[in-house]
Amino acid sequence: MEDKIMIHKRPQIVTLCGSTRFKNEFLEASKQLTARGVIVLSVGWFGHCEVDGIPDDVKQKVDKLHFRKIDISDWVLVLDLNGYIGQSTHNEIEYALKNNKLVVLLSRLRLDYDKLPSELIEQL
């Protein structure tokens, strides 16, 4: 019997980037993209929403971890509400572009997830 190699398609993987002050928008983006079959990697800590913020040593670890999430993603969605892109998000965008990742700005979609190109939500 001939051996056959099965090629399994996998869903697209996206990393969400943006200011952690937009916690509700992160949750909404995750919900919208997951409903469309996309694997969503997001922030692990909403430092701007926490009363005590995030300790500096933890922030450095979290920032490095977020770059690793970008590494394993097919593309990046930037939650640039009201056009706001802070320094950390700017650094993440630069990193993603340097590593040949497609970067999509939510503002360009006019906050409408149905405007995502189909190749970003269809399986590879």
Protein backbone atom coordinates (compact mmCIF):
# COMPACT_ATOMS: atom_id res chain seq x y z
CA MET A 1 0.00 0.00 0.00
CA GLU A 2 1.32 3.40 -0.96
CA ASP A 3 2.06 5.85 1.84
CA LYS A 4 0.10 9.04 1.53
CA ILE A 5 1.06 12.28 3.15
CA MET A 6 -1.89 14.15 4.55
CA ILE A 7 -1.60 17.89 4.39
CA HIS A 8 -3.72 19.50 7.05
CA LYS A 9 -4.73 23.08 6.59
CA ARG A 10 -4.70 25.23 9.64
CA PRO A 11 -6.51 28.43 10.46
CA GLN A 12 -4.75 31.76 10.13
CA ILE A 13 -3.04 33.02 13.28
CA VAL A 14 -3.24 36.71 14.19
CA THR A 15 -1.66 38.72 16.98
CA LEU A 16 -3.61 41.69 18.28
CA CYS A 17 -1.56 44.80 19.02
CA GLY A 18 -2.58 48.11 20.54
CA SER A 19 -2.81 50.02 23.76
CA THR A 20 -3.99 47.91 26.66
CA ARG A 21 -6.29 50.78 27.63
CA PHE A 22 -8.54 49.42 24.86
CA LYS A 23 -9.40 46.26 26.80
CA ASN A 24 -12.97 46.05 25.54
CA GLU A 25 -11.79 46.40 21.96
CA PHE A 26 -9.25 43.59 22.45
CA LEU A 27 -12.03 41.36 23.76
CA GLU A 28 -14.32 42.29 20.87
CA ALA A 29 -11.61 41.73 18.25
CA SER A 30 -10.82 38.35 19.76
CA LYS A 31 -14.48 37.38 19.69
CA GLN A 32 -15.02 38.61 16.11
CA LEU A 33 -11.93 36.90 14.72
CA THR A 34 -12.46 33.65 16.62
CA ALA A 35 -16.01 33.50 15.23
CA ARG A 36 -14.45 33.71 11.75
CA GLY A 37 -12.13 30.78 12.42
CA VAL A 38 -8.94 32.72 13.18
CA ILE A 39 -6.58 31.71 16.00
CA VAL A 40 -6.15 34.88 18.06
CA LEU A 41 -3.10 35.72 20.16
CA SER A 42 -3.62 38.73 22.36
CA VAL A 43 -2.12 40.62 25.25
CA GLY A 44 -1.83 38.73 28.50
CA TRP A 45 -2.08 41.72 30.79
CA PHE A 46 -4.14 44.90 30.51
CA GLY A 47 -1.65 47.07 32.37
CA HIS A 48 -3.34 50.38 31.56
CA CYS A 49 -6.62 49.10 33.00
CA GLU A 50 -5.12 47.89 36.28
CA VAL A 51 -5.16 50.19 39.27
CA ASP A 52 -1.54 49.37 40.10
CA GLY A 53 -0.40 49.12 36.49
CA ILE A 54 2.20 46.50 35.64
CA PRO A 55 5.56 46.16 37.42
CA ASP A 56 8.52 47.14 35.21
CA ASP A 57 10.19 43.72 35.34
CA VAL A 58 6.94 42.01 34.34
CA LYS A 59 6.33 44.56 31.56
CA GLN A 60 9.69 43.74 30.01
CA LYS A 61 8.86 40.02 30.03
CA VAL A 62 5.37 40.61 28.67
CA ASP A 63 6.73 42.83 25.87
CA LYS A 64 9.26 40.17 24.82
CA LEU A 65 6.56 37.51 24.91
CA HIS A 66 4.35 39.63 22.67
CA PHE A 67 7.12 39.77 20.05
CA ARG A 68 7.25 35.95 20.12
CA LYS A 69 3.50 35.91 19.48
CA ILE A 70 4.11 38.07 16.42
CA ASP A 71 6.78 35.59 15.30
CA ILE A 72 4.29 32.71 15.17
CA SER A 73 1.49 34.76 13.61
CA ASP A 74 0.54 34.97 9.97
CA TRP A 75 -0.49 38.60 10.36
CA VAL A 76 -1.04 41.36 12.91
CA LEU A 77 -4.15 43.41 13.63
CA VAL A 78 -3.48 46.79 15.20
CA LEU A 79 -6.31 48.15 17.35
CA ASP A 80 -5.62 51.80 16.58
CA LEU A 81 -8.77 53.35 18.01
CA ASN A 82 -9.11 57.03 17.23
CA GLY A 83 -5.80 56.70 15.36
CA TYR A 84 -3.90 56.13 18.60
CA ILE A 85 -0.66 54.16 18.32
CA GLY A 86 1.58 54.34 21.38
CA GLN A 87 5.30 53.64 21.49
CA SER A 88 4.97 49.94 22.38
CA THR A 89 2.49 49.38 19.56
CA HIS A 90 4.73 51.33 17.19
CA ASN A 91 7.63 49.03 18.15
CA GLU A 92 5.44 45.96 17.54
CA ILE A 93 4.42 47.24 14.10
CA GLU A 94 8.06 47.87 13.16
CA TYR A 95 9.01 44.40 14.39
CA ALA A 96 6.17 42.75 12.46
CA LEU A 97 7.05 44.57 9.23
CA LYS A 98 10.74 43.78 9.64
CA ASN A 99 9.74 40.12 9.93
CA ASN A 100 7.54 40.21 6.82
CA LYS A 101 4.22 40.05 8.63
CA LEU A 102 1.17 41.69 7.13
CA VAL A 103 -0.02 44.52 9.38
CA VAL A 104 -3.69 45.52 9.24
CA LEU A 105 -4.95 48.66 10.97
CA LEU A 106 -8.43 48.29 12.42
CA SER A 107 -9.15 51.93 11.58
CA ARG A 108 -8.69 51.11 7.87
CA LEU A 109 -11.50 48.57 8.21
CA ARG A 110 -13.65 51.26 9.80
CA LEU A 111 -14.06 48.88 12.76
CA ASP A 112 -15.96 46.45 10.51
CA TYR A 113 -14.55 42.93 10.74
CA ASP A 114 -16.58 41.89 7.69
CA LYS A 115 -14.20 44.04 5.63
CA LEU A 116 -11.25 41.73 6.36
CA PRO A 117 -9.89 40.22 3.15
CA SER A 118 -11.02 36.59 2.88
CA GLU A 119 -7.45 35.30 2.65
CA LEU A 120 -6.91 36.48 6.23
CA ILE A 121 -9.72 34.39 7.61
CA GLU A 122 -9.70 31.33 5.34
CA GLN A 123 -7.61 28.34 6.24
CA LEU A 124 -4.12 28.09 4.82
